[in-house]
Amino acid sequence: MVRPYSSELRTERARENRALVLATATAMFCEDGWVATTMSGVATRAGLTRPTVYRQFDNKLDLLDACIVAALRRDEGVPVRDGADYQTMGEGSRPRRIRAAASWLRDAHLRSAAIQHVLDEAAVTDDDAATLRDEREQTRWNEVRFALSLILGRPADDETVDSMWMLSSRTLWLRLVRERGWSPDRWEEWFVVHTTATLDRLDGA
């Protein structure tokens, strides 16, 4: 009979190995890109065996997807929509709600834009990655729609969701912050200005 403490120890070790693999893979994907990062390379840098990594993740795309999920969710025990900072998008005046959305999105981009960009890179040459990218973008569109319903206090039309889906994209964040050298503070102010203008036009329609 397997002793309970032995089973608990294995479970904890597996959890620690998973966290180590995710941290290592995230760093390698962001530093070296999709093509150069390999499962074997991740195992070597993490100080683990290849079978240990493959027990956690079926393939490189599965590993990348897990890295993205880990970056997006700061607390695995709390769904994104239930987070206190997310909920503030539905509290107070509209300017306050827009500020809350900008702050939340800024933090999300700081955590996840770079690793999500690796999926964009992979999608150029890998059909499965392209499918995953498209699925994730549809999910992001749905999340933008939900966030707008909090900010507006009512459902938004598709054109407004489309506009905010583009405005909030990691592509624009990376263009402005990584390529143009904007600070996150400057991006946040820019996002507030353009979101306010977009939603004010909606009121005037």
N, C-alpha and C. Protein backbone atom coordinates (compact mmCIF):
# COMPACT_ATOMS: atom_id res chain seq x y z
N MET A 1 0.85 -1.20 0.00
CA MET A 1 0.00 0.00 0.00
C MET A 1 0.89 1.25 0.00
N VAL A 2 0.52 2.23 -0.86
CA VAL A 2 1.27 3.47 -0.92
C VAL A 2 0.90 4.35 0.27
N ARG A 3 1.88 4.77 0.99
CA ARG A 3 1.61 5.62 2.14
C ARG A 3 1.12 6.99 1.67
N PRO A 4 0.14 7.58 2.39
CA PRO A 4 -0.42 8.87 1.98
C PRO A 4 0.63 9.95 1.80
N TYR A 5 1.61 9.98 2.74
CA TYR A 5 2.58 11.06 2.65
C TYR A 5 3.44 10.93 1.40
N SER A 6 3.67 9.68 0.93
CA SER A 6 4.45 9.47 -0.29
C SER A 6 3.70 10.00 -1.50
N SER A 7 2.38 9.75 -1.54
CA SER A 7 1.56 10.26 -2.63
C SER A 7 1.52 11.78 -2.62
N GLU A 8 1.38 12.34 -1.44
CA GLU A 8 1.35 13.81 -1.32
C GLU A 8 2.68 14.40 -1.75
N LEU A 9 3.77 13.74 -1.40
CA LEU A 9 5.09 14.22 -1.78
C LEU A 9 5.26 14.21 -3.30
N ARG A 10 4.80 13.14 -3.95
CA ARG A 10 4.89 13.07 -5.40
C ARG A 10 4.05 14.15 -6.06
N THR A 11 2.86 14.38 -5.51
CA THR A 11 1.98 15.41 -6.05
C THR A 11 2.62 16.79 -5.94
N GLU A 12 3.22 17.06 -4.78
CA GLU A 12 3.88 18.35 -4.57
C GLU A 12 5.09 18.49 -5.47
N ARG A 13 5.83 17.42 -5.64
CA ARG A 13 7.01 17.47 -6.51
C ARG A 13 6.59 17.72 -7.96
N ALA A 14 5.50 17.07 -8.39
CA ALA A 14 5.00 17.27 -9.74
C ALA A 14 4.56 18.72 -9.94
N ARG A 15 3.93 19.29 -8.90
CA ARG A 15 3.49 20.69 -8.98
C ARG A 15 4.70 21.62 -9.09
N GLU A 16 5.72 21.33 -8.30
CA GLU A 16 6.93 22.16 -8.35
C GLU A 16 7.63 22.03 -9.70
N ASN A 17 7.69 20.80 -10.22
CA ASN A 17 8.32 20.59 -11.54
C ASN A 17 7.56 21.33 -12.62
N ARG A 18 6.23 21.30 -12.55
CA ARG A 18 5.41 22.00 -13.55
C ARG A 18 5.69 23.50 -13.51
N ALA A 19 5.72 24.06 -12.31
CA ALA A 19 6.00 25.50 -12.18
C ALA A 19 7.38 25.84 -12.71
N LEU A 20 8.35 24.97 -12.45
CA LEU A 20 9.71 25.20 -12.93
C LEU A 20 9.77 25.14 -14.45
N VAL A 21 9.09 24.15 -15.02
CA VAL A 21 9.08 24.02 -16.49
C VAL A 21 8.40 25.24 -17.12
N LEU A 22 7.30 25.69 -16.55
CA LEU A 22 6.60 26.85 -17.11
C LEU A 22 7.46 28.11 -17.05
N ALA A 23 8.12 28.33 -15.93
CA ALA A 23 8.98 29.50 -15.78
C ALA A 23 10.15 29.44 -16.75
N THR A 24 10.75 28.26 -16.87
CA THR A 24 11.89 28.09 -17.77
C THR A 24 11.47 28.26 -19.22
N ALA A 25 10.37 27.61 -19.59
CA ALA A 25 9.91 27.68 -20.98
C ALA A 25 9.49 29.11 -21.34
N THR A 26 8.83 29.80 -20.44
CA THR A 26 8.42 31.18 -20.71
C THR A 26 9.64 32.05 -21.02
N ALA A 27 10.67 31.90 -20.20
CA ALA A 27 11.90 32.68 -20.43
C ALA A 27 12.53 32.32 -21.76
N MET A 28 12.57 31.06 -22.09
CA MET A 28 13.21 30.64 -23.34
C MET A 28 12.39 31.05 -24.56
N PHE A 29 11.08 30.88 -24.49
CA PHE A 29 10.23 31.30 -25.61
C PHE A 29 10.40 32.80 -25.88
N CYS A 30 10.41 33.59 -24.82
CA CYS A 30 10.50 35.04 -24.99
C CYS A 30 11.89 35.49 -25.43
N GLU A 31 12.91 34.77 -24.98
CA GLU A 31 14.28 35.15 -25.35
C GLU A 31 14.68 34.60 -26.71
N ASP A 32 14.33 33.34 -26.99
CA ASP A 32 14.84 32.65 -28.18
C ASP A 32 13.81 32.48 -29.30
N GLY A 33 12.53 32.64 -28.97
CA GLY A 33 11.50 32.48 -29.99
C GLY A 33 10.96 31.06 -30.09
N TRP A 34 9.96 30.91 -30.95
CA TRP A 34 9.27 29.63 -31.11
C TRP A 34 10.16 28.55 -31.69
N VAL A 35 10.84 28.84 -32.77
CA VAL A 35 11.60 27.81 -33.48
C VAL A 35 12.77 27.29 -32.64
N ALA A 36 13.51 28.21 -32.03
CA ALA A 36 14.73 27.81 -31.32
C ALA A 36 14.47 27.12 -29.99
N THR A 37 13.30 27.32 -29.42
CA THR A 37 12.99 26.68 -28.14
C THR A 37 12.50 25.26 -28.36
N THR A 38 13.10 24.31 -27.68
CA THR A 38 12.73 22.90 -27.82
C THR A 38 12.39 22.32 -26.45
N MET A 39 11.65 21.23 -26.49
CA MET A 39 11.31 20.54 -25.24
C MET A 39 12.58 20.05 -24.55
N SER A 40 13.53 19.54 -25.32
CA SER A 40 14.79 19.07 -24.75
C SER A 40 15.56 20.22 -24.11
N GLY A 41 15.56 21.36 -24.79
CA GLY A 41 16.26 22.52 -24.26
C GLY A 41 15.65 23.01 -22.97
N VAL A 42 14.33 22.99 -22.90
CA VAL A 42 13.64 23.40 -21.67
C VAL A 42 14.00 22.45 -20.54
N ALA A 43 13.99 21.15 -20.82
CA ALA A 43 14.33 20.16 -19.80
C ALA A 43 15.75 20.37 -19.28
N THR A 44 16.68 20.60 -20.20
CA THR A 44 18.08 20.79 -19.81
C THR A 44 18.25 22.02 -18.93
N ARG A 45 17.67 23.15 -19.36
CA ARG A 45 17.83 24.37 -18.56
C ARG A 45 17.14 24.24 -17.20
N ALA A 46 16.04 23.52 -17.16
CA ALA A 46 15.31 23.35 -15.90
C ALA A 46 15.97 22.33 -14.99
N GLY A 47 16.93 21.57 -15.53
CA GLY A 47 17.59 20.54 -14.73
C GLY A 47 16.72 19.31 -14.53
N LEU A 48 15.84 19.05 -15.50
CA LEU A 48 14.94 17.92 -15.43
C LEU A 48 15.18 16.99 -16.62
N THR A 49 14.62 15.79 -16.55
CA THR A 49 14.73 14.87 -17.68
C THR A 49 13.64 15.16 -18.70
N ARG A 50 13.87 14.74 -19.93
CA ARG A 50 12.84 14.93 -20.96
C ARG A 50 11.54 14.21 -20.58
N PRO A 51 11.58 12.97 -20.08
CA PRO A 51 10.33 12.31 -19.70
C PRO A 51 9.54 13.10 -18.65
N THR A 52 10.26 13.77 -17.75
CA THR A 52 9.57 14.56 -16.73
C THR A 52 8.78 15.69 -17.39
N VAL A 53 9.38 16.34 -18.38
CA VAL A 53 8.69 17.42 -19.07
C VAL A 53 7.52 16.88 -19.88
N TYR A 54 7.73 15.76 -20.57
CA TYR A 54 6.67 15.19 -21.40
C TYR A 54 5.53 14.60 -20.58
N ARG A 55 5.78 14.28 -19.33
CA ARG A 55 4.68 13.83 -18.47
C ARG A 55 3.72 14.97 -18.17
N GLN A 56 4.23 16.19 -18.22
CA GLN A 56 3.41 17.36 -17.93
C GLN A 56 2.76 17.95 -19.18
N PHE A 57 3.48 17.87 -20.32
CA PHE A 57 3.02 18.53 -21.54
C PHE A 57 3.24 17.62 -22.74
N ASP A 58 2.22 17.50 -23.59
CA ASP A 58 2.29 16.56 -24.71
C ASP A 58 3.30 16.97 -25.77
N ASN A 59 3.40 18.28 -26.03
CA ASN A 59 4.27 18.76 -27.09
C ASN A 59 4.60 20.24 -26.84
N LYS A 60 5.35 20.83 -27.74
CA LYS A 60 5.80 22.21 -27.54
C LYS A 60 4.64 23.20 -27.56
N LEU A 61 3.66 22.98 -28.42
CA LEU A 61 2.51 23.90 -28.48
C LEU A 61 1.69 23.81 -27.20
N ASP A 62 1.53 22.61 -26.67
CA ASP A 62 0.83 22.43 -25.40
C ASP A 62 1.57 23.17 -24.29
N LEU A 63 2.87 23.11 -24.32
CA LEU A 63 3.68 23.82 -23.32
C LEU A 63 3.53 25.33 -23.47
N LEU A 64 3.58 25.83 -24.70
CA LEU A 64 3.41 27.27 -24.92
C LEU A 64 2.05 27.73 -24.45
N ASP A 65 1.02 26.97 -24.74
CA ASP A 65 -0.33 27.35 -24.30
C ASP A 65 -0.42 27.42 -22.78
N ALA A 66 0.22 26.48 -22.11
CA ALA A 66 0.23 26.49 -20.64
C ALA A 66 0.97 27.70 -20.11
N CYS A 67 2.04 28.10 -20.79
CA CYS A 67 2.78 29.30 -20.39
C CYS A 67 1.90 30.54 -20.51
N ILE A 68 1.10 30.60 -21.58
CA ILE A 68 0.20 31.73 -21.78
C ILE A 68 -0.85 31.78 -20.69
N VAL A 69 -1.44 30.64 -20.39
CA VAL A 69 -2.46 30.58 -19.34
C VAL A 69 -1.87 31.02 -18.01
N ALA A 70 -0.68 30.56 -17.70
CA ALA A 70 -0.03 30.93 -16.44
C ALA A 70 0.23 32.43 -16.37
N ALA A 71 0.60 33.03 -17.51
CA ALA A 71 0.87 34.48 -17.54
C ALA A 71 -0.41 35.28 -17.38
N LEU A 72 -1.49 34.80 -17.97
CA LEU A 72 -2.75 35.53 -17.91
C LEU A 72 -3.39 35.46 -16.53
N ARG A 73 -3.21 34.33 -15.85
CA ARG A 73 -3.86 34.13 -14.55
C ARG A 73 -2.83 34.23 -13.44
N ARG A 74 -2.90 35.35 -12.71
CA ARG A 74 -1.95 35.54 -11.62
C ARG A 74 -2.21 34.55 -10.49
N ASP A 75 -3.47 34.25 -10.25
CA ASP A 75 -3.85 33.34 -9.18
C ASP A 75 -4.67 32.22 -9.79
N GLU A 76 -4.07 31.02 -9.87
CA GLU A 76 -4.75 29.91 -10.53
C GLU A 76 -6.05 29.53 -9.84
N GLY A 77 -6.20 29.90 -8.57
CA GLY A 77 -7.41 29.54 -7.84
C GLY A 77 -8.56 30.50 -8.05
N VAL A 78 -8.32 31.63 -8.73
CA VAL A 78 -9.35 32.65 -8.90
C VAL A 78 -9.56 32.92 -10.39
N PRO A 79 -10.76 32.67 -10.93
CA PRO A 79 -11.02 33.01 -12.33
C PRO A 79 -10.79 34.50 -12.58
N VAL A 80 -10.34 34.83 -13.78
CA VAL A 80 -10.00 36.22 -14.10
C VAL A 80 -11.14 37.17 -13.78
N ARG A 81 -12.34 36.81 -14.17
CA ARG A 81 -13.48 37.71 -13.98
C ARG A 81 -13.84 37.93 -12.51
N ASP A 82 -13.38 37.04 -11.66
CA ASP A 82 -13.68 37.16 -10.23
C ASP A 82 -12.64 37.96 -9.47
N GLY A 83 -11.57 38.37 -10.13
CA GLY A 83 -10.54 39.14 -9.46
C GLY A 83 -11.04 40.51 -9.04
N ALA A 84 -10.57 40.99 -7.90
CA ALA A 84 -11.03 42.28 -7.38
C ALA A 84 -10.73 43.41 -8.34
N ASP A 85 -9.54 43.40 -8.96
CA ASP A 85 -9.19 44.48 -9.88
C ASP A 85 -10.03 44.43 -11.15
N TYR A 86 -10.45 43.24 -11.55
CA TYR A 86 -11.31 43.11 -12.73
C TYR A 86 -12.71 43.63 -12.41
N GLN A 87 -13.20 43.32 -11.25
CA GLN A 87 -14.54 43.71 -10.85
C GLN A 87 -14.71 45.23 -10.77
N THR A 88 -13.62 45.96 -10.53
CA THR A 88 -13.73 47.41 -10.42
C THR A 88 -14.11 48.06 -11.75
N MET A 89 -14.03 47.31 -12.86
CA MET A 89 -14.50 47.85 -14.14
C MET A 89 -16.01 48.12 -14.12
N GLY A 90 -16.69 47.55 -13.15
CA GLY A 90 -18.13 47.75 -13.08
C GLY A 90 -18.56 48.62 -11.91
N GLU A 91 -17.62 49.36 -11.34
CA GLU A 91 -17.92 50.17 -10.15
C GLU A 91 -17.65 51.64 -10.40
N GLY A 92 -18.53 52.50 -9.87
CA GLY A 92 -18.31 53.94 -9.93
C GLY A 92 -18.69 54.55 -11.27
N SER A 93 -18.16 55.75 -11.50
CA SER A 93 -18.44 56.49 -12.73
C SER A 93 -17.76 55.83 -13.91
N ARG A 94 -18.21 56.24 -15.12
CA ARG A 94 -17.56 55.66 -16.31
C ARG A 94 -16.08 55.99 -16.38
N PRO A 95 -15.66 57.23 -16.13
CA PRO A 95 -14.21 57.49 -16.15
C PRO A 95 -13.44 56.59 -15.19
N ARG A 96 -14.01 56.34 -14.03
CA ARG A 96 -13.34 55.46 -13.08
C ARG A 96 -13.28 54.03 -13.63
N ARG A 97 -14.35 53.59 -14.28
CA ARG A 97 -14.37 52.24 -14.84
C ARG A 97 -13.35 52.09 -15.97
N ILE A 98 -13.24 53.11 -16.81
CA ILE A 98 -12.27 53.07 -17.89
C ILE A 98 -10.85 53.04 -17.33
N ARG A 99 -10.61 53.82 -16.28
CA ARG A 99 -9.30 53.80 -15.63
C ARG A 99 -8.99 52.41 -15.07
N ALA A 100 -9.99 51.78 -14.48
CA ALA A 100 -9.80 50.43 -13.93
C ALA A 100 -9.47 49.44 -15.04
N ALA A 101 -10.16 49.58 -16.18
CA ALA A 101 -9.90 48.68 -17.32
C ALA A 101 -8.49 48.89 -17.85
N ALA A 102 -8.07 50.16 -17.96
CA ALA A 102 -6.73 50.46 -18.46
C ALA A 102 -5.66 49.89 -17.54
N SER A 103 -5.87 50.04 -16.24
CA SER A 103 -4.90 49.53 -15.27
C SER A 103 -4.82 48.01 -15.32
N TRP A 104 -5.99 47.37 -15.38
CA TRP A 104 -6.02 45.90 -15.44
C TRP A 104 -5.32 45.41 -16.71
N LEU A 105 -5.63 46.05 -17.84
CA LEU A 105 -5.07 45.60 -19.11
C LEU A 105 -3.57 45.85 -19.18
N ARG A 106 -3.15 46.96 -18.64
CA ARG A 106 -1.70 47.24 -18.59
C ARG A 106 -0.98 46.12 -17.86
N ASP A 107 -1.49 45.74 -16.69
CA ASP A 107 -0.85 44.66 -15.93
C ASP A 107 -0.88 43.34 -16.70
N ALA A 108 -2.00 43.08 -17.37
CA ALA A 108 -2.11 41.84 -18.15
C ALA A 108 -1.10 41.82 -19.29
N HIS A 109 -0.93 42.94 -19.97
CA HIS A 109 0.06 43.00 -21.05
C HIS A 109 1.48 42.85 -20.52
N LEU A 110 1.76 43.46 -19.40
CA LEU A 110 3.10 43.33 -18.82
C LEU A 110 3.42 41.86 -18.52
N ARG A 111 2.42 41.11 -18.09
CA ARG A 111 2.63 39.70 -17.76
C ARG A 111 2.64 38.81 -18.99
N SER A 112 1.81 39.13 -19.99
CA SER A 112 1.51 38.12 -21.00
C SER A 112 1.74 38.50 -22.46
N ALA A 113 1.93 39.77 -22.77
CA ALA A 113 2.03 40.15 -24.19
C ALA A 113 3.19 39.46 -24.89
N ALA A 114 4.34 39.40 -24.23
CA ALA A 114 5.52 38.81 -24.87
C ALA A 114 5.33 37.32 -25.15
N ILE A 115 4.79 36.58 -24.18
CA ILE A 115 4.62 35.14 -24.39
C ILE A 115 3.50 34.87 -25.38
N GLN A 116 2.47 35.71 -25.40
CA GLN A 116 1.41 35.52 -26.40
C GLN A 116 1.92 35.83 -27.81
N HIS A 117 2.86 36.75 -27.90
CA HIS A 117 3.44 37.08 -29.21
C HIS A 117 4.17 35.88 -29.80
N VAL A 118 4.69 35.00 -28.96
CA VAL A 118 5.35 33.78 -29.45
C VAL A 118 4.33 32.91 -30.19
N LEU A 119 3.09 32.90 -29.71
CA LEU A 119 2.04 32.16 -30.42
C LEU A 119 1.77 32.79 -31.78
N ASP A 120 1.77 34.11 -31.86
CA ASP A 120 1.62 34.78 -33.15
C ASP A 120 2.74 34.35 -34.10
N GLU A 121 3.95 34.27 -33.57
CA GLU A 121 5.11 33.85 -34.35
C GLU A 121 4.95 32.41 -34.82
N ALA A 122 4.52 31.54 -33.92
CA ALA A 122 4.35 30.12 -34.27
C ALA A 122 3.27 29.93 -35.31
N ALA A 123 2.23 30.76 -35.26
CA ALA A 123 1.09 30.61 -36.16
C ALA A 123 1.45 30.84 -37.62
N VAL A 124 2.56 31.50 -37.87
CA VAL A 124 2.98 31.79 -39.24
C VAL A 124 3.33 30.49 -39.99
N THR A 125 3.90 29.53 -39.28
CA THR A 125 4.39 28.31 -39.94
C THR A 125 3.74 27.03 -39.45
N ASP A 126 2.97 27.11 -38.36
CA ASP A 126 2.40 25.90 -37.75
C ASP A 126 0.87 26.00 -37.78
N ASP A 127 0.23 25.08 -38.49
CA ASP A 127 -1.22 25.13 -38.64
C ASP A 127 -1.95 24.97 -37.31
N ASP A 128 -1.45 24.09 -36.45
CA ASP A 128 -2.08 23.90 -35.15
C ASP A 128 -1.95 25.16 -34.30
N ALA A 129 -0.81 25.81 -34.39
CA ALA A 129 -0.61 27.06 -33.65
C ALA A 129 -1.54 28.14 -34.18
N ALA A 130 -1.74 28.17 -35.50
CA ALA A 130 -2.65 29.15 -36.10
C ALA A 130 -4.08 28.93 -35.61
N THR A 131 -4.47 27.66 -35.52
CA THR A 131 -5.81 27.35 -35.01
C THR A 131 -5.95 27.79 -33.55
N LEU A 132 -4.94 27.51 -32.75
CA LEU A 132 -4.97 27.91 -31.34
C LEU A 132 -5.01 29.43 -31.22
N ARG A 133 -4.21 30.12 -32.03
CA ARG A 133 -4.19 31.58 -32.02
C ARG A 133 -5.58 32.14 -32.33
N ASP A 134 -6.22 31.58 -33.35
CA ASP A 134 -7.55 32.05 -33.74
C ASP A 134 -8.57 31.80 -32.62
N GLU A 135 -8.46 30.64 -31.98
CA GLU A 135 -9.36 30.34 -30.87
C GLU A 135 -9.15 31.31 -29.71
N ARG A 136 -7.91 31.61 -29.43
CA ARG A 136 -7.60 32.52 -28.33
C ARG A 136 -8.05 33.95 -28.65
N GLU A 137 -7.96 34.34 -29.92
CA GLU A 137 -8.43 35.67 -30.31
C GLU A 137 -9.94 35.78 -30.21
N GLN A 138 -10.64 34.70 -30.54
CA GLN A 138 -12.10 34.71 -30.37
C GLN A 138 -12.46 34.81 -28.89
N THR A 139 -11.70 34.09 -28.06
CA THR A 139 -11.93 34.18 -26.62
C THR A 139 -11.66 35.60 -26.13
N ARG A 140 -10.61 36.23 -26.65
CA ARG A 140 -10.30 37.60 -26.24
C ARG A 140 -11.41 38.55 -26.66
N TRP A 141 -11.98 38.35 -27.85
CA TRP A 141 -13.10 39.17 -28.30
C TRP A 141 -14.27 39.04 -27.34
N ASN A 142 -14.55 37.81 -26.92
CA ASN A 142 -15.64 37.59 -25.97
C ASN A 142 -15.36 38.26 -24.63
N GLU A 143 -14.10 38.23 -24.20
CA GLU A 143 -13.74 38.87 -22.94
C GLU A 143 -13.85 40.39 -23.03
N VAL A 144 -13.49 40.95 -24.19
CA VAL A 144 -13.65 42.39 -24.39
C VAL A 144 -15.13 42.76 -24.32
N ARG A 145 -15.96 41.95 -24.93
CA ARG A 145 -17.41 42.21 -24.88
C ARG A 145 -17.91 42.18 -23.45
N PHE A 146 -17.45 41.22 -22.66
CA PHE A 146 -17.89 41.14 -21.27
C PHE A 146 -17.40 42.34 -20.47
N ALA A 147 -16.14 42.71 -20.66
CA ALA A 147 -15.59 43.86 -19.94
C ALA A 147 -16.34 45.13 -20.30
N LEU A 148 -16.69 45.29 -21.57
CA LEU A 148 -17.46 46.47 -21.98
C LEU A 148 -18.83 46.50 -21.33
N SER A 149 -19.42 45.32 -21.12
CA SER A 149 -20.72 45.29 -20.46
C SER A 149 -20.62 45.78 -19.02
N LEU A 150 -19.47 45.54 -18.39
CA LEU A 150 -19.25 46.07 -17.04
C LEU A 150 -19.08 47.59 -17.08
N ILE A 151 -18.28 48.06 -18.01
CA ILE A 151 -18.00 49.49 -18.10
C ILE A 151 -19.25 50.28 -18.46
N LEU A 152 -20.02 49.77 -19.41
CA LEU A 152 -21.20 50.49 -19.90
C LEU A 152 -22.45 50.23 -19.07
N GLY A 153 -22.46 49.10 -18.39
CA GLY A 153 -23.66 48.73 -17.65
C GLY A 153 -24.74 48.15 -18.55
N ARG A 154 -24.35 47.79 -19.77
CA ARG A 154 -25.26 47.21 -20.75
C ARG A 154 -24.42 46.55 -21.84
N PRO A 155 -25.03 45.69 -22.65
CA PRO A 155 -24.26 45.05 -23.73
C PRO A 155 -23.81 46.08 -24.76
N ALA A 156 -22.63 45.84 -25.34
CA ALA A 156 -22.11 46.70 -26.41
C ALA A 156 -22.39 46.05 -27.76
N ASP A 157 -22.56 46.90 -28.79
CA ASP A 157 -22.76 46.37 -30.13
C ASP A 157 -21.44 45.81 -30.67
N ASP A 158 -21.55 44.98 -31.69
CA ASP A 158 -20.37 44.29 -32.22
C ASP A 158 -19.30 45.26 -32.73
N GLU A 159 -19.71 46.36 -33.35
CA GLU A 159 -18.72 47.29 -33.90
C GLU A 159 -17.88 47.92 -32.79
N THR A 160 -18.53 48.23 -31.67
CA THR A 160 -17.79 48.79 -30.53
C THR A 160 -16.85 47.74 -29.96
N VAL A 161 -17.32 46.50 -29.86
CA VAL A 161 -16.45 45.42 -29.37
C VAL A 161 -15.26 45.25 -30.32
N ASP A 162 -15.52 45.29 -31.62
CA ASP A 162 -14.43 45.17 -32.59
C ASP A 162 -13.39 46.27 -32.38
N SER A 163 -13.87 47.49 -32.19
CA SER A 163 -12.95 48.63 -32.01
C SER A 163 -12.09 48.45 -30.77
N MET A 164 -12.71 48.03 -29.66
CA MET A 164 -11.97 47.87 -28.42
C MET A 164 -11.10 46.62 -28.45
N TRP A 165 -11.52 45.62 -29.20
CA TRP A 165 -10.70 44.41 -29.39
C TRP A 165 -9.38 44.77 -30.06
N MET A 166 -9.45 45.67 -31.05
CA MET A 166 -8.23 46.13 -31.71
C MET A 166 -7.42 47.05 -30.80
N LEU A 167 -8.08 47.98 -30.15
CA LEU A 167 -7.39 48.96 -29.31
C LEU A 167 -6.66 48.29 -28.15
N SER A 168 -7.22 47.22 -27.64
CA SER A 168 -6.65 46.55 -26.47
C SER A 168 -5.66 45.44 -26.82
N SER A 169 -5.36 45.28 -28.10
CA SER A 169 -4.55 44.13 -28.53
C SER A 169 -3.11 44.20 -28.05
N ARG A 170 -2.51 43.04 -27.91
CA ARG A 170 -1.09 42.96 -27.56
C ARG A 170 -0.23 43.50 -28.68
N THR A 171 -0.73 43.41 -29.92
CA THR A 171 0.04 43.91 -31.05
C THR A 171 0.30 45.40 -30.92
N LEU A 172 -0.73 46.18 -30.59
CA LEU A 172 -0.54 47.62 -30.40
C LEU A 172 0.32 47.90 -29.17
N TRP A 173 0.10 47.14 -28.10
CA TRP A 173 0.94 47.30 -26.91
C TRP A 173 2.41 47.10 -27.26
N LEU A 174 2.72 46.02 -27.95
CA LEU A 174 4.11 45.72 -28.28
C LEU A 174 4.69 46.74 -29.26
N ARG A 175 3.89 47.19 -30.20
CA ARG A 175 4.37 48.22 -31.12
C ARG A 175 4.77 49.48 -30.36
N LEU A 176 3.92 49.91 -29.45
CA LEU A 176 4.15 51.18 -28.76
C LEU A 176 5.18 51.05 -27.64
N VAL A 177 5.09 50.00 -26.85
CA VAL A 177 5.97 49.87 -25.68
C VAL A 177 7.32 49.27 -26.06
N ARG A 178 7.32 48.19 -26.82
CA ARG A 178 8.58 47.54 -27.16
C ARG A 178 9.30 48.25 -28.31
N GLU A 179 8.58 48.60 -29.36
CA GLU A 179 9.22 49.15 -30.55
C GLU A 179 9.40 50.67 -30.48
N ARG A 180 8.39 51.37 -29.97
CA ARG A 180 8.46 52.83 -29.93
C ARG A 180 8.98 53.36 -28.60
N GLY A 181 9.17 52.47 -27.63
CA GLY A 181 9.78 52.87 -26.37
C GLY A 181 8.86 53.59 -25.41
N TRP A 182 7.55 53.45 -25.60
CA TRP A 182 6.62 54.06 -24.65
C TRP A 182 6.74 53.38 -23.29
N SER A 183 6.51 54.14 -22.25
CA SER A 183 6.42 53.56 -20.91
C SER A 183 5.01 52.97 -20.73
N PRO A 184 4.85 52.00 -19.84
CA PRO A 184 3.51 51.49 -19.56
C PRO A 184 2.55 52.59 -19.11
N ASP A 185 3.05 53.58 -18.37
CA ASP A 185 2.20 54.70 -17.94
C ASP A 185 1.68 55.47 -19.15
N ARG A 186 2.56 55.71 -20.11
CA ARG A 186 2.14 56.46 -21.30
C ARG A 186 1.11 55.66 -22.08
N TRP A 187 1.33 54.35 -22.22
CA TRP A 187 0.34 53.51 -22.92
C TRP A 187 -1.00 53.57 -22.19
N GLU A 188 -0.99 53.51 -20.88
CA GLU A 188 -2.23 53.51 -20.10
C GLU A 188 -3.01 54.81 -20.35
N GLU A 189 -2.33 55.94 -20.35
CA GLU A 189 -3.00 57.21 -20.62
C GLU A 189 -3.57 57.24 -22.03
N TRP A 190 -2.80 56.74 -22.99
CA TRP A 190 -3.26 56.66 -24.38
C TRP A 190 -4.51 55.79 -24.48
N PHE A 191 -4.51 54.68 -23.80
CA PHE A 191 -5.66 53.77 -23.84
C PHE A 191 -6.89 54.44 -23.23
N VAL A 192 -6.72 55.15 -22.13
CA VAL A 192 -7.85 55.85 -21.50
C VAL A 192 -8.44 56.88 -22.46
N VAL A 193 -7.59 57.66 -23.10
CA VAL A 193 -8.07 58.69 -24.03
C VAL A 193 -8.87 58.09 -25.17
N HIS A 194 -8.34 57.04 -25.79
CA HIS A 194 -9.00 56.47 -26.95
C HIS A 194 -10.23 55.64 -26.59
N THR A 195 -10.20 55.00 -25.44
CA THR A 195 -11.38 54.28 -24.99
C THR A 195 -12.50 55.25 -24.66
N THR A 196 -12.17 56.33 -23.98
CA THR A 196 -13.17 57.35 -23.66
C THR A 196 -13.80 57.90 -24.93
N ALA A 197 -12.98 58.22 -25.93
CA ALA A 197 -13.49 58.74 -27.20
C ALA A 197 -14.40 57.73 -27.89
N THR A 198 -14.00 56.47 -27.88
CA THR A 198 -14.80 55.43 -28.52
C THR A 198 -16.16 55.29 -27.86
N LEU A 199 -16.19 55.28 -26.54
CA LEU A 199 -17.45 55.09 -25.82
C LEU A 199 -18.29 56.35 -25.82
N ASP A 200 -17.67 57.52 -25.87
CA ASP A 200 -18.43 58.77 -25.98
C ASP A 200 -19.15 58.83 -27.33
N ARG A 201 -18.51 58.37 -28.38
CA ARG A 201 -19.15 58.34 -29.70
C ARG A 201 -20.35 57.39 -29.68
N LEU A 202 -20.22 56.32 -28.91
CA LEU A 202 -21.33 55.38 -28.79
C LEU A 202 -22.54 56.07 -28.17
N ASP A 203 -22.32 56.90 -27.17
CA ASP A 203 -23.42 57.61 -26.52
C ASP A 203 -24.09 58.60 -27.47
N GLY A 204 -23.27 59.14 -28.39
CA GLY A 204 -23.81 60.14 -29.29
C GLY A 204 -24.49 59.57 -30.52
N ALA A 205 -24.39 58.23 -30.67
CA ALA A 205 -24.96 57.60 -31.87
C ALA A 205 -26.48 57.63 -31.84
